[in-house]
Amino acid sequence: MEIIGRLDDVYTFTGFVITPYVGVIPYPYEFRTNPEEVAYIITLPYTYLKEVNPAEEIVQNDGRLQKMQSIHYNGDRIWGATSRILLQFQRIIENGRGS
């Protein structure tokens, strides 16, 4: 695996900070996950991410309503920090910047 970049820190609704990195992984690669934390892996093609129109949702967090973007793919809903990381990545690839 080769790390090729770092994205901006992402703050979760639950108070955690995620520092995402972008890397190249040789194909095929057998991912091993912790089943207590990861139910399954979603393989999202970049071509889909490039064309996606994120859904805008309202979620309740600590009694407050907040807007959030989510991505729907093959029956899965990708939301929260994961959605924000993917959309930041897409903006950087397409525009050369994250914001």
Protein backbone atom coordinates (compact mmCIF):
# COMPACT_ATOMS: atom_id res chain seq x y z
CA MET A 1 0.00 0.00 0.00
CA GLU A 2 1.17 3.51 -0.78
CA ILE A 3 -0.21 6.60 0.98
CA ILE A 4 -0.63 9.43 -1.52
CA GLY A 5 -2.31 12.13 0.56
CA ARG A 6 -4.14 13.28 3.63
CA LEU A 7 -7.59 14.85 3.74
CA ASP A 8 -8.84 17.40 6.27
CA ASP A 9 -9.84 16.15 9.71
CA VAL A 10 -13.54 15.28 9.98
CA TYR A 11 -15.45 15.72 13.22
CA THR A 12 -18.23 13.27 14.04
CA PHE A 13 -21.52 14.07 15.72
CA THR A 14 -20.36 11.93 18.64
CA GLY A 15 -17.22 13.99 19.29
CA PHE A 16 -14.55 11.92 17.55
CA VAL A 17 -12.00 13.27 15.07
CA ILE A 18 -11.17 11.23 11.97
CA THR A 19 -7.96 11.92 10.04
CA PRO A 20 -8.51 10.34 6.61
CA TYR A 21 -5.68 9.30 4.30
CA VAL A 22 -5.85 8.35 0.62
CA GLY A 23 -3.79 5.46 -0.59
CA VAL A 24 -3.31 2.97 -3.38
CA ILE A 25 -3.98 -0.67 -2.52
CA PRO A 26 -2.89 -3.45 -4.89
CA TYR A 27 -5.71 -5.42 -6.51
CA PRO A 28 -6.94 -7.90 -5.52
CA TYR A 29 -6.75 -7.20 -1.80
CA GLU A 30 -8.41 -9.20 0.96
CA PHE A 31 -9.73 -6.74 3.52
CA ARG A 32 -9.94 -7.92 7.13
CA THR A 33 -12.35 -6.04 9.37
CA ASN A 34 -13.42 -6.11 12.98
CA PRO A 35 -16.96 -7.55 12.81
CA GLU A 36 -17.89 -5.72 16.00
CA GLU A 37 -17.29 -2.40 14.25
CA VAL A 38 -17.77 -3.11 10.52
CA ALA A 39 -20.77 -5.06 9.26
CA TYR A 40 -19.54 -5.16 5.64
CA ILE A 41 -17.50 -3.20 3.11
CA ILE A 42 -19.16 -1.13 0.41
CA THR A 43 -17.18 -0.89 -2.81
CA LEU A 44 -18.19 2.45 -4.29
CA PRO A 45 -16.84 3.11 -7.79
CA TYR A 46 -15.37 6.58 -8.22
CA THR A 47 -17.42 7.00 -11.41
CA TYR A 48 -20.55 6.81 -9.23
CA LEU A 49 -19.16 9.24 -6.67
CA LYS A 50 -18.19 11.61 -9.48
CA GLU A 51 -21.79 11.76 -10.75
CA VAL A 52 -23.69 11.47 -7.47
CA ASN A 53 -26.14 14.10 -6.32
CA PRO A 54 -26.03 13.71 -2.51
CA ALA A 55 -29.35 13.64 -0.70
CA GLU A 56 -29.82 16.35 1.89
CA GLU A 57 -31.24 15.04 5.15
CA ILE A 58 -32.13 16.51 8.51
CA VAL A 59 -30.88 14.54 11.52
CA GLN A 60 -31.34 15.10 15.21
CA ASN A 61 -28.17 15.33 17.30
CA ASP A 62 -28.28 16.18 21.00
CA GLY A 63 -31.77 17.61 20.57
CA ARG A 64 -30.72 19.84 17.65
CA LEU A 65 -31.61 19.43 14.01
CA GLN A 66 -28.69 19.46 11.58
CA LYS A 67 -28.41 19.21 7.80
CA MET A 68 -26.39 16.33 6.47
CA GLN A 69 -25.61 14.96 3.02
CA SER A 70 -25.88 11.26 2.32
CA ILE A 71 -25.04 9.06 -0.64
CA HIS A 72 -27.34 6.21 -1.65
CA TYR A 73 -25.71 3.34 -3.52
CA ASN A 74 -27.04 -0.16 -4.27
CA GLY A 75 -29.51 0.00 -1.40
CA ASP A 76 -26.96 1.33 1.11
CA ARG A 77 -27.03 4.77 2.74
CA ILE A 78 -23.60 6.29 3.28
CA TRP A 79 -23.93 9.19 5.68
CA GLY A 80 -22.28 11.17 8.45
CA ALA A 81 -18.50 11.37 8.55
CA THR A 82 -18.07 8.74 5.83
CA SER A 83 -20.20 10.75 3.41
CA ARG A 84 -18.34 13.97 4.25
CA ILE A 85 -14.97 12.27 3.68
CA LEU A 86 -16.04 10.85 0.31
CA LEU A 87 -17.51 14.17 -0.86
CA GLN A 88 -14.36 16.03 0.22
CA PHE A 89 -12.27 13.52 -1.75
CA GLN A 90 -14.50 14.00 -4.80
CA ARG A 91 -14.22 17.81 -4.59
CA ILE A 92 -10.43 17.61 -4.37
CA ILE A 93 -10.19 15.30 -7.39
CA GLU A 94 -12.59 17.40 -9.46
CA ASN A 95 -11.63 20.91 -8.35
CA GLY A 96 -8.21 20.60 -6.76
CA ARG A 97 -9.51 21.63 -3.33
CA GLY A 98 -11.69 20.25 -0.56
CA SER A 99 -14.03 23.18 0.11
